[in-house]
């Protein structure tokens, strides 16, 4: 009976670690999208008075949220270490996964920050969209749990690959899926190119719109 209770407690703890490996990276991504969408509007007074490279604002926000994520990673490490899962050398791939998430975040932040200047309702729509995207991202479930004919929807989301990567190095103690990370990296580069192009295109009238 004691052994059964111990095994059940261990399974519950491992489930918490599993969720933690998905929720904390997601929180970083969510904060970048929601706060990034408002960053130009929130700094409207500065933009109208002083000229500076405007892309600094969304990029600095991504960096500051990245620092918060680095600190929050300590929570994941605490769960992993004290939960008996332990660490492996694969944890060093963390910095590669983080770098890819940083690239993805910059692209999205450039895009949403510039669009919101012209379409203020986007702030509210993004809140709803992020709630829906939460359930379309393998955070509380694994990608393998999704029926094969619907799995392509998850593969359109770069966070699916990134969260899977974090889980591999922290929870499973294995090497991440480099093919998935490469796809996420390519998505991030495309987002950066599109985001920068849209940002520079719309930047000309920021002061007037704000």
N, C-alpha and C. Protein backbone atom coordinates (compact mmCIF):
# COMPACT_ATOMS: atom_id res chain seq x y z
N UNK A 1 0.83 -1.21 0.00
CA UNK A 1 0.00 0.00 0.00
C UNK A 1 0.86 1.25 0.00
N UNK A 2 1.91 1.21 0.84
CA UNK A 2 2.84 2.35 0.90
C UNK A 2 3.55 2.55 -0.42
N UNK A 3 3.91 1.42 -1.04
CA UNK A 3 4.61 1.47 -2.33
C UNK A 3 3.69 2.03 -3.41
N UNK A 4 2.41 1.67 -3.35
CA UNK A 4 1.44 2.16 -4.33
C UNK A 4 1.27 3.66 -4.20
N UNK A 5 1.14 4.13 -2.91
CA UNK A 5 0.98 5.57 -2.68
C UNK A 5 2.21 6.34 -3.12
N UNK A 6 3.38 5.75 -2.88
CA UNK A 6 4.63 6.40 -3.29
C UNK A 6 4.73 6.50 -4.80
N UNK A 7 4.31 5.42 -5.48
CA UNK A 7 4.33 5.42 -6.94
C UNK A 7 3.35 6.44 -7.50
N UNK A 8 2.17 6.55 -6.87
CA UNK A 8 1.16 7.50 -7.32
C UNK A 8 1.65 8.93 -7.13
N UNK A 9 2.30 9.18 -5.98
CA UNK A 9 2.83 10.52 -5.71
C UNK A 9 3.92 10.88 -6.71
N UNK A 10 4.74 9.88 -7.06
CA UNK A 10 5.80 10.10 -8.04
C UNK A 10 5.23 10.44 -9.41
N UNK A 11 4.16 9.74 -9.79
CA UNK A 11 3.52 10.01 -11.08
C UNK A 11 2.93 11.41 -11.12
N UNK A 12 2.31 11.83 -10.01
CA UNK A 12 1.73 13.17 -9.93
C UNK A 12 2.83 14.22 -10.05
N UNK A 13 3.94 13.99 -9.37
CA UNK A 13 5.04 14.95 -9.41
C UNK A 13 5.62 15.05 -10.82
N UNK A 14 5.78 13.90 -11.46
CA UNK A 14 6.30 13.90 -12.83
C UNK A 14 5.36 14.63 -13.78
N UNK A 15 4.06 14.49 -13.53
CA UNK A 15 3.08 15.21 -14.34
C UNK A 15 3.23 16.72 -14.16
N UNK A 16 3.52 17.13 -12.93
CA UNK A 16 3.73 18.55 -12.65
C UNK A 16 4.97 19.06 -13.37
N UNK A 17 6.02 18.26 -13.37
CA UNK A 17 7.24 18.64 -14.09
C UNK A 17 6.95 18.75 -15.59
N UNK A 18 6.19 17.80 -16.09
CA UNK A 18 5.82 17.78 -17.52
C UNK A 18 5.09 19.07 -17.90
N UNK A 19 4.13 19.46 -17.06
CA UNK A 19 3.37 20.68 -17.31
C UNK A 19 4.25 21.91 -17.18
N UNK A 20 5.12 21.91 -16.20
CA UNK A 20 6.01 23.05 -15.95
C UNK A 20 6.90 23.31 -17.17
N UNK A 21 7.38 22.24 -17.80
CA UNK A 21 8.26 22.38 -18.97
C UNK A 21 7.54 22.99 -20.16
N UNK A 22 6.21 22.93 -20.14
CA UNK A 22 5.44 23.54 -21.22
C UNK A 22 4.91 24.90 -20.86
N UNK A 23 4.46 25.07 -19.62
CA UNK A 23 3.81 26.31 -19.22
C UNK A 23 4.77 27.50 -19.14
N UNK A 24 5.96 27.28 -18.63
CA UNK A 24 6.90 28.40 -18.45
C UNK A 24 7.40 28.94 -19.79
N UNK A 25 7.82 28.10 -20.75
CA UNK A 25 8.15 28.64 -22.08
C UNK A 25 6.96 29.31 -22.75
N UNK A 26 5.76 28.75 -22.55
CA UNK A 26 4.56 29.35 -23.14
C UNK A 26 4.31 30.75 -22.55
N UNK A 27 4.54 30.90 -21.26
CA UNK A 27 4.32 32.20 -20.62
C UNK A 27 5.24 33.26 -21.22
N UNK A 28 6.47 32.87 -21.52
CA UNK A 28 7.40 33.79 -22.18
C UNK A 28 6.84 34.20 -23.54
N UNK A 29 6.40 33.22 -24.31
CA UNK A 29 5.85 33.50 -25.64
C UNK A 29 4.60 34.37 -25.55
N UNK A 30 3.70 34.03 -24.63
CA UNK A 30 2.45 34.77 -24.47
C UNK A 30 2.71 36.22 -24.07
N UNK A 31 3.64 36.44 -23.15
CA UNK A 31 3.96 37.80 -22.72
C UNK A 31 4.54 38.63 -23.87
N UNK A 32 5.36 37.99 -24.70
CA UNK A 32 5.94 38.69 -25.84
C UNK A 32 4.84 39.15 -26.80
N UNK A 33 3.87 38.28 -27.06
CA UNK A 33 2.80 38.61 -28.00
C UNK A 33 1.90 39.71 -27.43
N UNK A 34 1.43 39.53 -26.21
CA UNK A 34 0.48 40.48 -25.61
C UNK A 34 1.15 41.82 -25.30
N UNK A 35 2.29 41.79 -24.65
CA UNK A 35 2.98 43.04 -24.33
C UNK A 35 3.60 43.67 -25.57
N UNK A 36 4.05 42.83 -26.49
CA UNK A 36 4.64 43.34 -27.73
C UNK A 36 3.61 44.09 -28.57
N UNK A 37 2.37 43.62 -28.54
CA UNK A 37 1.33 44.28 -29.31
C UNK A 37 1.07 45.70 -28.81
N UNK A 38 1.30 45.92 -27.52
CA UNK A 38 0.99 47.24 -26.93
C UNK A 38 2.22 48.13 -26.78
N UNK A 39 3.39 47.64 -27.12
CA UNK A 39 4.62 48.37 -26.79
C UNK A 39 4.72 49.72 -27.51
N UNK A 40 4.29 49.80 -28.75
CA UNK A 40 4.36 51.06 -29.48
C UNK A 40 3.32 52.06 -28.97
N UNK A 41 2.13 51.57 -28.70
CA UNK A 41 1.06 52.43 -28.18
C UNK A 41 1.44 52.96 -26.80
N UNK A 42 1.99 52.09 -25.96
CA UNK A 42 2.37 52.50 -24.60
C UNK A 42 3.49 53.53 -24.60
N UNK A 43 4.32 53.53 -25.63
CA UNK A 43 5.44 54.48 -25.71
C UNK A 43 5.18 55.56 -26.76
N UNK A 44 3.90 55.82 -27.02
CA UNK A 44 3.53 56.79 -28.03
C UNK A 44 4.10 58.18 -27.81
N UNK A 45 4.12 58.63 -26.55
CA UNK A 45 4.63 59.98 -26.25
C UNK A 45 6.10 60.12 -26.61
N UNK A 46 6.87 59.09 -26.33
CA UNK A 46 8.30 59.13 -26.64
C UNK A 46 8.50 59.11 -28.16
N UNK A 47 7.74 58.27 -28.84
CA UNK A 47 7.87 58.14 -30.30
C UNK A 47 7.56 59.46 -30.99
N UNK A 48 6.59 60.21 -30.47
CA UNK A 48 6.20 61.48 -31.10
C UNK A 48 7.21 62.60 -30.83
N UNK A 49 7.99 62.46 -29.76
CA UNK A 49 8.89 63.55 -29.38
C UNK A 49 10.34 63.33 -29.82
N UNK A 50 10.77 62.09 -29.80
CA UNK A 50 12.19 61.78 -30.05
C UNK A 50 12.29 60.76 -31.16
N UNK A 51 13.23 60.99 -32.09
CA UNK A 51 13.45 60.00 -33.14
C UNK A 51 14.54 59.02 -32.70
N UNK A 52 14.27 57.77 -32.85
CA UNK A 52 15.24 56.70 -32.60
C UNK A 52 14.77 55.49 -33.38
N UNK A 53 15.63 54.52 -33.60
CA UNK A 53 15.19 53.31 -34.32
C UNK A 53 14.04 52.65 -33.54
N UNK A 54 12.86 52.71 -34.08
CA UNK A 54 11.66 52.27 -33.35
C UNK A 54 11.66 50.77 -33.05
N UNK A 55 12.38 50.00 -33.87
CA UNK A 55 12.40 48.55 -33.65
C UNK A 55 13.08 48.17 -32.33
N UNK A 56 13.78 49.15 -31.74
CA UNK A 56 14.42 48.90 -30.45
C UNK A 56 13.38 48.52 -29.39
N UNK A 57 12.20 49.13 -29.47
CA UNK A 57 11.17 48.89 -28.45
C UNK A 57 10.70 47.44 -28.41
N UNK A 58 10.24 46.86 -29.53
CA UNK A 58 9.82 45.45 -29.45
C UNK A 58 10.98 44.49 -29.17
N UNK A 59 12.17 44.80 -29.70
CA UNK A 59 13.31 43.92 -29.47
C UNK A 59 13.74 43.95 -28.01
N UNK A 60 13.73 45.14 -27.40
CA UNK A 60 14.11 45.25 -25.98
C UNK A 60 13.09 44.55 -25.10
N UNK A 61 11.82 44.58 -25.51
CA UNK A 61 10.79 43.88 -24.74
C UNK A 61 11.02 42.37 -24.78
N UNK A 62 11.35 41.86 -25.98
CA UNK A 62 11.64 40.42 -26.11
C UNK A 62 12.84 40.05 -25.23
N UNK A 63 13.85 40.92 -25.20
CA UNK A 63 15.04 40.66 -24.39
C UNK A 63 14.72 40.66 -22.90
N UNK A 64 13.91 41.63 -22.46
CA UNK A 64 13.58 41.71 -21.03
C UNK A 64 12.73 40.52 -20.60
N UNK A 65 11.79 40.11 -21.46
CA UNK A 65 11.00 38.92 -21.16
C UNK A 65 11.87 37.67 -21.19
N UNK A 66 12.91 37.69 -22.05
CA UNK A 66 13.86 36.57 -22.10
C UNK A 66 14.63 36.43 -20.80
N UNK A 67 15.00 37.56 -20.19
CA UNK A 67 15.68 37.53 -18.89
C UNK A 67 14.76 36.94 -17.83
N UNK A 68 13.48 37.35 -17.86
CA UNK A 68 12.51 36.78 -16.92
C UNK A 68 12.37 35.28 -17.12
N UNK A 69 12.42 34.85 -18.37
CA UNK A 69 12.31 33.42 -18.66
C UNK A 69 13.53 32.66 -18.14
N UNK A 70 14.70 33.26 -18.29
CA UNK A 70 15.92 32.63 -17.76
C UNK A 70 15.80 32.41 -16.26
N UNK A 71 15.26 33.42 -15.56
CA UNK A 71 15.08 33.30 -14.12
C UNK A 71 14.04 32.23 -13.81
N UNK A 72 12.95 32.22 -14.58
CA UNK A 72 11.88 31.24 -14.36
C UNK A 72 12.36 29.82 -14.64
N UNK A 73 13.39 29.68 -15.45
CA UNK A 73 13.93 28.34 -15.74
C UNK A 73 14.44 27.67 -14.47
N UNK A 74 14.81 28.48 -13.49
CA UNK A 74 15.25 27.93 -12.20
C UNK A 74 14.13 27.09 -11.58
N UNK A 75 12.88 27.50 -11.82
CA UNK A 75 11.74 26.73 -11.30
C UNK A 75 11.71 25.35 -11.95
N UNK A 76 11.94 25.32 -13.26
CA UNK A 76 11.96 24.02 -13.95
C UNK A 76 13.08 23.15 -13.38
N UNK A 77 14.25 23.75 -13.21
CA UNK A 77 15.39 23.00 -12.67
C UNK A 77 15.08 22.47 -11.27
N UNK A 78 14.40 23.31 -10.46
CA UNK A 78 14.04 22.88 -9.11
C UNK A 78 13.11 21.67 -9.14
N UNK A 79 12.11 21.72 -10.00
CA UNK A 79 11.18 20.59 -10.14
C UNK A 79 11.91 19.34 -10.59
N UNK A 80 12.80 19.51 -11.57
CA UNK A 80 13.52 18.36 -12.14
C UNK A 80 14.46 17.72 -11.11
N UNK A 81 15.21 18.57 -10.41
CA UNK A 81 16.20 18.06 -9.45
C UNK A 81 15.52 17.43 -8.24
N UNK A 82 14.60 18.18 -7.61
CA UNK A 82 13.99 17.69 -6.37
C UNK A 82 12.89 16.66 -6.63
N UNK A 83 12.49 16.55 -7.88
CA UNK A 83 11.50 15.53 -8.23
C UNK A 83 12.10 14.19 -8.55
N UNK A 84 13.43 14.11 -8.50
CA UNK A 84 14.10 12.84 -8.72
C UNK A 84 14.35 12.50 -10.17
N UNK A 85 13.99 13.40 -11.09
CA UNK A 85 14.24 13.13 -12.50
C UNK A 85 15.71 13.29 -12.83
N UNK A 86 16.32 14.34 -12.25
CA UNK A 86 17.76 14.55 -12.44
C UNK A 86 18.07 15.31 -13.72
N UNK A 87 19.34 15.60 -13.91
CA UNK A 87 19.80 16.36 -15.07
C UNK A 87 20.74 15.50 -15.92
N UNK A 88 20.86 15.90 -17.17
CA UNK A 88 21.81 15.24 -18.06
C UNK A 88 22.53 16.30 -18.88
N UNK A 89 23.53 15.88 -19.62
CA UNK A 89 24.28 16.82 -20.46
C UNK A 89 23.41 17.45 -21.55
N UNK A 90 22.29 16.83 -21.82
CA UNK A 90 21.40 17.36 -22.86
C UNK A 90 20.80 18.71 -22.47
N UNK A 91 20.91 19.05 -21.20
CA UNK A 91 20.40 20.35 -20.76
C UNK A 91 21.14 21.50 -21.44
N UNK A 92 22.34 21.24 -21.95
CA UNK A 92 23.12 22.28 -22.63
C UNK A 92 22.46 22.74 -23.92
N UNK A 93 21.57 21.90 -24.46
CA UNK A 93 20.84 22.30 -25.67
C UNK A 93 19.80 23.38 -25.36
N UNK A 94 19.62 23.67 -24.08
CA UNK A 94 18.67 24.70 -23.65
C UNK A 94 18.94 26.03 -24.35
N UNK A 95 20.21 26.39 -24.46
CA UNK A 95 20.56 27.70 -25.03
C UNK A 95 20.26 27.77 -26.53
N UNK A 96 20.35 26.64 -27.21
CA UNK A 96 19.98 26.59 -28.62
C UNK A 96 18.48 26.79 -28.78
N UNK A 97 17.70 26.08 -27.96
CA UNK A 97 16.24 26.19 -28.02
C UNK A 97 15.80 27.61 -27.67
N UNK A 98 16.43 28.17 -26.64
CA UNK A 98 16.11 29.55 -26.23
C UNK A 98 16.43 30.54 -27.34
N UNK A 99 17.56 30.35 -28.02
CA UNK A 99 17.95 31.24 -29.11
C UNK A 99 16.91 31.21 -30.24
N UNK A 100 16.41 30.02 -30.55
CA UNK A 100 15.39 29.90 -31.60
C UNK A 100 14.10 30.57 -31.15
N UNK A 101 13.72 30.38 -29.88
CA UNK A 101 12.52 31.03 -29.38
C UNK A 101 12.68 32.56 -29.40
N UNK A 102 13.89 33.03 -29.14
CA UNK A 102 14.17 34.47 -29.17
C UNK A 102 13.95 35.01 -30.58
N UNK A 103 14.41 34.28 -31.58
CA UNK A 103 14.24 34.70 -32.98
C UNK A 103 12.76 34.72 -33.35
N UNK A 104 12.04 33.66 -32.99
CA UNK A 104 10.60 33.61 -33.26
C UNK A 104 9.89 34.78 -32.59
N UNK A 105 10.28 35.06 -31.34
CA UNK A 105 9.64 36.12 -30.56
C UNK A 105 9.87 37.49 -31.17
N UNK A 106 11.08 37.74 -31.67
CA UNK A 106 11.37 39.03 -32.29
C UNK A 106 10.50 39.23 -33.53
N UNK A 107 10.40 38.20 -34.36
CA UNK A 107 9.59 38.30 -35.57
C UNK A 107 8.14 38.62 -35.25
N UNK A 108 7.57 37.91 -34.30
CA UNK A 108 6.17 38.14 -33.92
C UNK A 108 5.99 39.51 -33.29
N UNK A 109 6.93 39.90 -32.44
CA UNK A 109 6.83 41.19 -31.75
C UNK A 109 6.90 42.36 -32.74
N UNK A 110 7.78 42.26 -33.72
CA UNK A 110 7.85 43.31 -34.75
C UNK A 110 6.54 43.41 -35.52
N UNK A 111 5.95 42.26 -35.80
CA UNK A 111 4.72 42.23 -36.59
C UNK A 111 3.54 42.82 -35.81
N UNK A 112 3.29 42.30 -34.61
CA UNK A 112 2.11 42.73 -33.86
C UNK A 112 2.25 44.16 -33.33
N UNK A 113 3.47 44.57 -33.00
CA UNK A 113 3.66 45.93 -32.46
C UNK A 113 3.36 46.99 -33.51
N UNK A 114 3.70 46.70 -34.77
CA UNK A 114 3.45 47.67 -35.84
C UNK A 114 1.99 47.67 -36.27
N UNK A 115 1.37 46.51 -36.33
CA UNK A 115 -0.02 46.42 -36.77
C UNK A 115 -0.97 47.06 -35.77
N UNK A 116 -0.66 46.94 -34.48
CA UNK A 116 -1.54 47.46 -33.45
C UNK A 116 -1.63 48.98 -33.48
N UNK A 117 -0.60 49.65 -33.97
CA UNK A 117 -0.63 51.10 -34.09
C UNK A 117 -1.80 51.53 -34.98
N UNK A 118 -2.10 50.75 -36.00
CA UNK A 118 -3.16 51.08 -36.95
C UNK A 118 -4.49 50.39 -36.61
N UNK A 119 -4.40 49.24 -35.98
CA UNK A 119 -5.60 48.48 -35.65
C UNK A 119 -5.60 48.19 -34.14
N UNK A 120 -6.14 49.12 -33.35
CA UNK A 120 -6.09 49.00 -31.89
C UNK A 120 -6.89 47.81 -31.36
N UNK A 121 -7.93 47.43 -32.10
CA UNK A 121 -8.75 46.30 -31.67
C UNK A 121 -7.96 44.99 -31.68
N UNK A 122 -6.82 45.00 -32.35
CA UNK A 122 -5.98 43.81 -32.41
C UNK A 122 -5.53 43.38 -31.02
N UNK A 123 -5.39 44.35 -30.10
CA UNK A 123 -5.01 44.03 -28.73
C UNK A 123 -6.00 43.08 -28.09
N UNK A 124 -7.29 43.32 -28.28
CA UNK A 124 -8.32 42.46 -27.69
C UNK A 124 -8.41 41.13 -28.43
N UNK A 125 -8.28 41.18 -29.74
CA UNK A 125 -8.35 39.96 -30.54
C UNK A 125 -7.19 39.02 -30.22
N UNK A 126 -6.02 39.59 -29.96
CA UNK A 126 -4.86 38.76 -29.64
C UNK A 126 -5.04 38.01 -28.32
N UNK A 127 -5.72 38.67 -27.37
CA UNK A 127 -5.99 38.01 -26.09
C UNK A 127 -6.82 36.75 -26.29
N UNK A 128 -7.85 36.85 -27.11
CA UNK A 128 -8.69 35.69 -27.42
C UNK A 128 -7.92 34.65 -28.22
N UNK A 129 -7.14 35.13 -29.21
CA UNK A 129 -6.36 34.23 -30.06
C UNK A 129 -5.35 33.43 -29.24
N UNK A 130 -4.71 34.08 -28.27
CA UNK A 130 -3.71 33.39 -27.46
C UNK A 130 -4.35 32.32 -26.58
N UNK A 131 -5.57 32.57 -26.12
CA UNK A 131 -6.27 31.56 -25.34
C UNK A 131 -6.56 30.32 -26.19
N UNK A 132 -6.97 30.56 -27.43
CA UNK A 132 -7.24 29.45 -28.34
C UNK A 132 -5.95 28.72 -28.71
N UNK A 133 -4.88 29.50 -28.94
CA UNK A 133 -3.60 28.92 -29.32
C UNK A 133 -3.01 28.08 -28.20
N UNK A 134 -3.32 28.44 -26.95
CA UNK A 134 -2.85 27.67 -25.80
C UNK A 134 -3.29 26.21 -25.93
N UNK A 135 -4.55 26.01 -26.31
CA UNK A 135 -5.07 24.64 -26.43
C UNK A 135 -4.62 23.97 -27.72
N UNK A 136 -4.13 24.78 -28.67
CA UNK A 136 -3.62 24.21 -29.93
C UNK A 136 -2.11 24.02 -29.86
N UNK A 137 -1.56 24.10 -28.67
CA UNK A 137 -0.12 23.90 -28.45
C UNK A 137 0.05 22.76 -27.46
N UNK A 138 0.96 21.82 -27.70
CA UNK A 138 1.12 20.67 -26.80
C UNK A 138 1.74 21.05 -25.45
N UNK A 139 0.93 21.68 -24.60
CA UNK A 139 1.38 22.11 -23.28
C UNK A 139 0.91 21.13 -22.22
N UNK A 140 -0.39 20.86 -22.22
CA UNK A 140 -0.95 19.92 -21.23
C UNK A 140 -1.06 18.51 -21.80
N UNK A 141 -0.66 18.34 -23.03
CA UNK A 141 -0.67 17.04 -23.68
C UNK A 141 0.57 16.93 -24.58
N UNK A 142 0.85 15.74 -25.05
CA UNK A 142 1.99 15.55 -25.95
C UNK A 142 1.51 15.60 -27.39
N UNK A 143 2.41 15.89 -28.30
CA UNK A 143 2.07 15.94 -29.71
C UNK A 143 1.61 14.57 -30.20
N UNK A 144 2.15 13.51 -29.61
CA UNK A 144 1.79 12.15 -30.03
C UNK A 144 0.35 11.81 -29.64
N UNK A 145 -0.22 12.56 -28.67
CA UNK A 145 -1.58 12.27 -28.23
C UNK A 145 -2.62 12.79 -29.21
N UNK A 146 -2.19 13.64 -30.14
CA UNK A 146 -3.10 14.21 -31.13
C UNK A 146 -3.25 13.23 -32.30
N UNK A 147 -4.48 12.99 -32.78
CA UNK A 147 -4.66 12.10 -33.95
C UNK A 147 -3.80 12.55 -35.12
N UNK A 148 -3.25 11.60 -35.82
CA UNK A 148 -2.29 11.89 -36.90
C UNK A 148 -2.84 12.84 -37.96
N UNK A 149 -4.14 12.73 -38.25
CA UNK A 149 -4.71 13.58 -39.30
C UNK A 149 -4.92 15.03 -38.87
N UNK A 150 -4.77 15.31 -37.55
CA UNK A 150 -4.86 16.69 -37.06
C UNK A 150 -3.50 17.25 -36.62
N UNK A 151 -2.49 16.39 -36.66
CA UNK A 151 -1.18 16.79 -36.13
C UNK A 151 -0.52 17.89 -36.96
N UNK A 152 -0.90 18.01 -38.20
CA UNK A 152 -0.31 19.03 -39.07
C UNK A 152 -0.63 20.44 -38.56
N UNK A 153 -1.76 20.59 -37.85
CA UNK A 153 -2.12 21.89 -37.29
C UNK A 153 -1.10 22.33 -36.24
N UNK A 154 -0.65 21.38 -35.43
CA UNK A 154 0.35 21.69 -34.41
C UNK A 154 1.69 22.03 -35.04
N UNK A 155 1.97 21.42 -36.18
CA UNK A 155 3.26 21.64 -36.83
C UNK A 155 3.35 23.03 -37.47
N UNK A 156 2.22 23.72 -37.59
CA UNK A 156 2.24 25.09 -38.09
C UNK A 156 2.65 26.08 -37.00
N UNK A 157 2.69 25.60 -35.77
CA UNK A 157 2.99 26.43 -34.61
C UNK A 157 4.43 26.19 -34.15
N UNK A 158 5.32 27.18 -34.27
CA UNK A 158 6.72 26.96 -33.87
C UNK A 158 6.87 26.61 -32.39
N UNK A 159 5.93 27.05 -31.55
CA UNK A 159 6.02 26.73 -30.13
C UNK A 159 5.84 25.25 -29.86
N UNK A 160 5.19 24.53 -30.76
CA UNK A 160 5.04 23.09 -30.60
C UNK A 160 6.41 22.41 -30.59
N UNK A 161 7.28 22.82 -31.52
CA UNK A 161 8.62 22.24 -31.60
C UNK A 161 9.49 22.69 -30.42
N UNK A 162 9.33 23.93 -30.01
CA UNK A 162 10.17 24.46 -28.94
C UNK A 162 9.82 23.83 -27.60
N UNK A 163 8.53 23.72 -27.31
CA UNK A 163 8.12 23.10 -26.05
C UNK A 163 8.51 21.63 -26.04
N UNK A 164 8.39 20.97 -27.18
CA UNK A 164 8.84 19.58 -27.28
C UNK A 164 10.34 19.49 -27.01
N UNK A 165 11.10 20.49 -27.47
CA UNK A 165 12.54 20.51 -27.22
C UNK A 165 12.86 20.69 -25.75
N UNK A 166 12.16 21.61 -25.08
CA UNK A 166 12.38 21.82 -23.64
C UNK A 166 12.06 20.56 -22.85
N UNK A 167 10.98 19.90 -23.24
CA UNK A 167 10.59 18.67 -22.54
C UNK A 167 11.63 17.56 -22.73
N UNK A 168 12.21 17.52 -23.92
CA UNK A 168 13.21 16.48 -24.19
C UNK A 168 14.41 16.63 -23.27
N UNK A 169 14.90 17.85 -23.12
CA UNK A 169 16.15 18.03 -22.36
C UNK A 169 15.92 18.04 -20.85
N UNK A 170 14.75 18.50 -20.41
CA UNK A 170 14.49 18.58 -18.96
C UNK A 170 13.78 17.34 -18.42
N UNK A 171 12.74 16.91 -19.13
CA UNK A 171 11.89 15.84 -18.61
C UNK A 171 12.38 14.46 -19.05
N UNK A 172 12.63 14.31 -20.35
CA UNK A 172 13.05 13.00 -20.87
C UNK A 172 14.56 12.79 -20.79
N UNK A 173 15.30 13.87 -20.62
CA UNK A 173 16.78 13.84 -20.56
C UNK A 173 17.37 13.24 -21.84
N UNK A 174 16.77 13.62 -22.96
CA UNK A 174 17.25 13.16 -24.27
C UNK A 174 17.60 14.37 -25.13
N UNK A 175 18.24 14.10 -26.25
CA UNK A 175 18.52 15.18 -27.19
C UNK A 175 17.22 15.66 -27.82
N UNK A 176 17.12 16.95 -28.11
CA UNK A 176 15.90 17.45 -28.74
C UNK A 176 15.78 16.98 -30.18
N UNK A 177 14.61 17.13 -30.73
CA UNK A 177 14.36 16.79 -32.14
C UNK A 177 14.92 17.93 -32.99
N UNK A 178 16.11 17.72 -33.55
CA UNK A 178 16.78 18.80 -34.29
C UNK A 178 16.03 19.14 -35.58
N UNK A 179 15.34 18.18 -36.14
CA UNK A 179 14.54 18.47 -37.33
C UNK A 179 13.42 19.46 -36.97
N UNK A 180 12.77 19.21 -35.84
CA UNK A 180 11.73 20.11 -35.39
C UNK A 180 12.27 21.49 -35.06
N UNK A 181 13.44 21.52 -34.43
CA UNK A 181 14.06 22.81 -34.10
C UNK A 181 14.46 23.57 -35.36
N UNK A 182 14.90 22.83 -36.38
CA UNK A 182 15.26 23.48 -37.65
C UNK A 182 14.02 24.11 -38.28
N UNK A 183 12.90 23.40 -38.22
CA UNK A 183 11.65 23.94 -38.75
C UNK A 183 11.25 25.21 -38.00
N UNK A 184 11.37 25.17 -36.66
CA UNK A 184 11.04 26.34 -35.84
C UNK A 184 11.98 27.50 -36.15
N UNK A 185 13.26 27.18 -36.40
CA UNK A 185 14.24 28.21 -36.73
C UNK A 185 13.89 28.88 -38.06
N UNK A 186 13.54 28.06 -39.06
CA UNK A 186 13.16 28.60 -40.37
C UNK A 186 11.90 29.47 -40.23
N UNK A 187 10.94 29.00 -39.44
CA UNK A 187 9.73 29.80 -39.19
C UNK A 187 10.11 31.13 -38.54
N UNK A 188 11.05 31.08 -37.60
CA UNK A 188 11.49 32.30 -36.92
C UNK A 188 12.14 33.29 -37.87
N UNK A 189 12.98 32.78 -38.76
CA UNK A 189 13.64 33.65 -39.75
C UNK A 189 12.60 34.29 -40.68
N UNK A 190 11.64 33.48 -41.13
CA UNK A 190 10.58 34.01 -41.99
C UNK A 190 9.78 35.08 -41.25
N UNK A 191 9.45 34.81 -39.99
CA UNK A 191 8.70 35.79 -39.19
C UNK A 191 9.49 37.08 -39.01
N UNK A 192 10.81 36.95 -38.81
CA UNK A 192 11.66 38.15 -38.66
C UNK A 192 11.69 38.97 -39.95
N UNK A 193 11.82 38.30 -41.07
CA UNK A 193 11.87 39.01 -42.37
C UNK A 193 10.53 39.71 -42.64
N UNK A 194 9.43 38.96 -42.48
CA UNK A 194 8.10 39.53 -42.71
C UNK A 194 7.81 40.63 -41.69
N UNK A 195 8.13 40.35 -40.41
CA UNK A 195 7.88 41.32 -39.36
C UNK A 195 8.66 42.61 -39.56
N UNK A 196 9.93 42.49 -39.95
CA UNK A 196 10.75 43.68 -40.17
C UNK A 196 10.25 44.47 -41.38
N UNK A 197 9.87 43.76 -42.44
CA UNK A 197 9.36 44.43 -43.63
C UNK A 197 8.08 45.21 -43.32
N UNK A 198 7.15 44.56 -42.62
CA UNK A 198 5.89 45.23 -42.26
C UNK A 198 6.16 46.39 -41.31
N UNK A 199 7.05 46.17 -40.35
CA UNK A 199 7.38 47.22 -39.38
C UNK A 199 7.93 48.46 -40.07
N UNK A 200 8.91 48.28 -40.95
CA UNK A 200 9.52 49.42 -41.64
C UNK A 200 8.53 50.10 -42.58
N UNK A 201 7.62 49.32 -43.15
CA UNK A 201 6.61 49.86 -44.05
C UNK A 201 5.63 50.76 -43.30
N UNK A 202 5.23 50.32 -42.10
CA UNK A 202 4.24 51.06 -41.33
C UNK A 202 4.86 52.13 -40.43
N UNK A 203 6.16 52.03 -40.22
CA UNK A 203 6.84 52.92 -39.28
C UNK A 203 6.70 54.40 -39.66
N UNK A 204 6.58 54.68 -40.95
CA UNK A 204 6.59 56.06 -41.44
C UNK A 204 5.50 56.93 -40.81
N UNK A 205 4.37 56.31 -40.47
CA UNK A 205 3.24 57.09 -39.95
C UNK A 205 2.95 56.78 -38.48
N UNK A 206 3.91 56.18 -37.79
CA UNK A 206 3.70 55.88 -36.38
C UNK A 206 3.34 57.13 -35.58
N UNK A 207 4.15 58.18 -35.74
CA UNK A 207 3.94 59.42 -34.96
C UNK A 207 2.55 60.00 -35.23
N UNK A 208 2.10 59.95 -36.47
CA UNK A 208 0.77 60.50 -36.81
C UNK A 208 -0.34 59.67 -36.21
N UNK A 209 -0.20 58.36 -36.28
CA UNK A 209 -1.25 57.46 -35.77
C UNK A 209 -1.32 57.46 -34.25
N UNK A 210 -0.17 57.70 -33.62
CA UNK A 210 -0.13 57.67 -32.16
C UNK A 210 -0.52 59.02 -31.57
